[in-house]
Protein backbone atom coordinates (compact mmCIF):
# COMPACT_ATOMS: atom_id res chain seq x y z
CA MET A 1 112.79 -161.16 30.51
CA ASP A 2 112.71 -158.88 26.75
CA LEU A 3 112.35 -161.23 24.55
CA THR A 4 113.10 -159.01 21.19
CA SER A 5 116.85 -160.30 21.16
CA TYR A 6 115.46 -163.80 20.59
CA ALA A 7 113.11 -162.37 17.57
CA GLU A 8 116.00 -160.87 16.24
CA TRP A 9 117.51 -163.79 15.71
CA ALA A 10 114.30 -165.43 13.75
CA VAL A 11 114.46 -162.34 11.58
CA ARG A 12 118.58 -162.97 11.27
CA LEU A 13 117.58 -166.30 10.60
CA VAL A 14 114.87 -165.33 7.85
CA ASN A 15 117.20 -163.87 5.77
CA ASP A 16 119.73 -166.23 6.21
CA PRO A 17 120.05 -167.43 2.17
CA GLY A 18 122.09 -170.05 3.64
CA PRO A 19 121.57 -171.50 7.13
CA PRO A 20 122.60 -174.77 8.26
CA PRO A 21 120.78 -177.45 7.09
CA GLU A 22 118.76 -179.02 10.40
CA LEU A 23 117.64 -174.89 9.86
CA HIS A 24 116.59 -174.70 6.65
CA ASP A 25 112.41 -176.00 8.26
CA LEU A 26 112.63 -173.62 10.55
CA ARG A 27 113.75 -170.87 9.01
CA ASP A 28 110.88 -171.75 6.10
CA ASP A 29 108.60 -171.79 9.07
CA LEU A 30 109.56 -168.22 10.73
CA ALA A 31 109.46 -167.08 7.31
CA ALA A 32 105.92 -168.20 6.49
CA VAL A 33 104.46 -165.84 10.39
CA PHE A 34 106.77 -162.96 8.12
CA ASP A 35 104.71 -163.46 4.85
CA LEU A 36 101.08 -163.84 7.53
CA ALA A 37 101.70 -160.82 8.84
CA THR A 38 98.73 -158.74 6.61
CA ASP A 39 96.91 -162.08 8.30
CA GLU A 40 96.54 -161.59 11.62
CA GLU A 41 94.16 -164.85 12.61
CA ALA A 42 96.40 -166.66 10.49
CA MET A 43 100.00 -165.45 11.49
CA VAL A 44 98.65 -166.17 15.50
CA ALA A 45 97.84 -170.39 14.08
CA LYS A 46 101.57 -170.28 12.56
CA LEU A 47 102.53 -169.18 15.58
CA ASN A 48 100.60 -170.82 18.01
CA ALA A 49 101.60 -174.20 15.88
CA LEU A 50 105.19 -173.45 16.34
CA LEU A 51 105.13 -173.14 19.95
CA VAL A 52 103.43 -176.33 20.23
CA ARG A 53 106.49 -178.29 18.21
CA HIS A 54 109.15 -176.22 19.79
CA PRO A 55 108.64 -175.57 23.46
CA VAL A 56 110.09 -173.37 25.81
CA ARG A 57 111.60 -174.16 28.90
CA PRO A 58 113.02 -171.38 30.69
CA GLN A 59 116.28 -171.50 32.85
CA LEU A 60 117.74 -169.82 35.40
CA SER A 61 121.24 -168.63 34.61
CA GLY A 62 123.71 -166.35 36.27
CA HIS A 63 127.32 -165.48 34.53
CA ASP A 64 130.07 -163.16 33.43
CA GLY A 65 129.52 -161.13 36.69
CA GLN A 66 125.67 -161.01 35.84
CA ARG A 67 122.90 -161.24 38.56
CA TRP A 68 120.66 -164.96 38.20
CA HIS A 69 118.01 -164.08 34.76
CA LEU A 70 116.52 -166.54 32.88
CA HIS A 71 117.72 -167.70 29.64
CA LEU A 72 115.23 -169.58 26.97
CA ALA A 73 118.14 -172.00 27.27
CA GLU A 74 116.45 -175.21 25.36
CA THR A 75 116.50 -174.65 22.20
CA SER A 76 117.33 -171.78 19.79
CA ALA A 77 114.39 -172.79 18.22
CA ALA A 78 112.15 -172.52 20.75
CA ALA A 79 113.81 -168.93 21.14
CA ALA A 80 113.21 -167.17 17.60
CA VAL A 81 109.86 -168.64 18.04
CA MET A 82 109.04 -167.49 21.46
CA GLY A 83 110.48 -164.07 20.52
CA LEU A 84 108.51 -163.94 17.70
CA ALA A 85 105.26 -164.43 19.63
CA ALA A 86 106.58 -162.10 22.73
CA VAL A 87 106.55 -158.87 20.29
CA VAL A 88 102.99 -159.50 18.75
CA ALA A 89 101.60 -160.55 22.32
CA GLU A 90 103.20 -157.12 23.57
CA LEU A 91 103.32 -154.99 20.37
CA GLY A 92 100.98 -155.86 17.82
CA PRO A 93 101.50 -158.51 14.75
CA ASP A 94 101.71 -154.95 12.61
CA ARG A 95 105.19 -154.96 14.04
CA LEU A 96 106.76 -157.96 11.50
CA GLY A 97 107.04 -156.89 8.06
CA ARG A 98 108.57 -157.13 5.34
CA CYS A 99 111.12 -154.96 2.99
CA GLN A 100 109.25 -152.85 0.62
CA ASP A 101 112.01 -152.45 -1.89
CA PRO A 102 110.34 -154.65 -4.80
CA ARG A 103 114.76 -156.02 -5.02
CA CYS A 104 114.92 -156.72 -1.12
CA ALA A 105 112.11 -158.48 1.09
CA ARG A 106 114.04 -158.91 3.72
CA ALA A 107 112.38 -159.87 7.39
CA PHE A 108 112.35 -157.40 9.93
CA LEU A 109 110.78 -156.11 12.85
CA ASP A 110 109.37 -152.07 13.53
CA THR A 111 110.32 -151.41 16.98
CA SER A 112 109.85 -147.56 15.85
CA SER A 113 107.54 -145.50 18.31
CA ASN A 114 105.41 -144.89 15.51
CA ARG A 115 105.06 -147.79 13.68
CA SER A 116 106.24 -146.31 11.00
CA ARG A 117 109.55 -148.64 9.33
CA ARG A 118 109.09 -150.02 6.03
CA TYR A 119 112.83 -151.09 4.97
CA CYS A 120 114.54 -153.80 6.70
CA SER A 121 117.95 -151.62 6.84
CA ALA A 122 118.94 -147.26 5.68
CA ARG A 123 120.44 -149.10 2.54
CA CYS A 124 117.01 -149.88 1.24
CA ALA A 125 114.74 -146.54 2.15
CA THR A 126 117.79 -144.90 0.57
CA ARG A 127 117.66 -146.77 -2.39
CA GLN A 128 114.11 -146.36 -2.77
CA ASN A 129 114.00 -143.02 -1.60
CA VAL A 130 116.50 -142.52 -4.66
CA ALA A 131 114.83 -143.80 -6.88
CA ALA A 132 111.31 -142.34 -6.79
CA TYR A 133 113.17 -138.72 -6.51
CA ARG A 134 114.25 -139.65 -10.12
CA ALA A 135 111.19 -140.83 -11.49
CA ARG A 136 110.06 -137.55 -10.09
CA LEU A 137 112.63 -135.61 -12.38
CA LYS A 138 112.19 -138.28 -15.03
CA SER A 139 108.74 -137.28 -15.35
CA GLY A 140 109.28 -133.31 -14.53
CA GLN A 141 107.52 -132.78 -11.64
């Protein structure tokens, strides 16, 4: 079962500036997980606390002509927390990040093969590369 799609839902929620009121607390809790990405022990403790608060109850599902497969169907909150926990367990805590563009700071999952992602999108990466290039030109390098 690939839980990355559930983790990506968590990223979308963290980056959402105006989620429904019932998701505000969850968004803040998930944002704290990304903010703790450099403190592995604290991040794992936060994720474990969220897993207790949002228990996952998988269910077998068969729909749209697909074979039986698992869904984390209890709540979207539980699925998002479980997805992030699975990414940390399978790929490592360094796969959760914040955009390094100082004007952005959006959350992202680094699914690159060499763990090199630094920006949430190509737009932010390009903006930073252009800014660095212009700074080099201005300084005469």
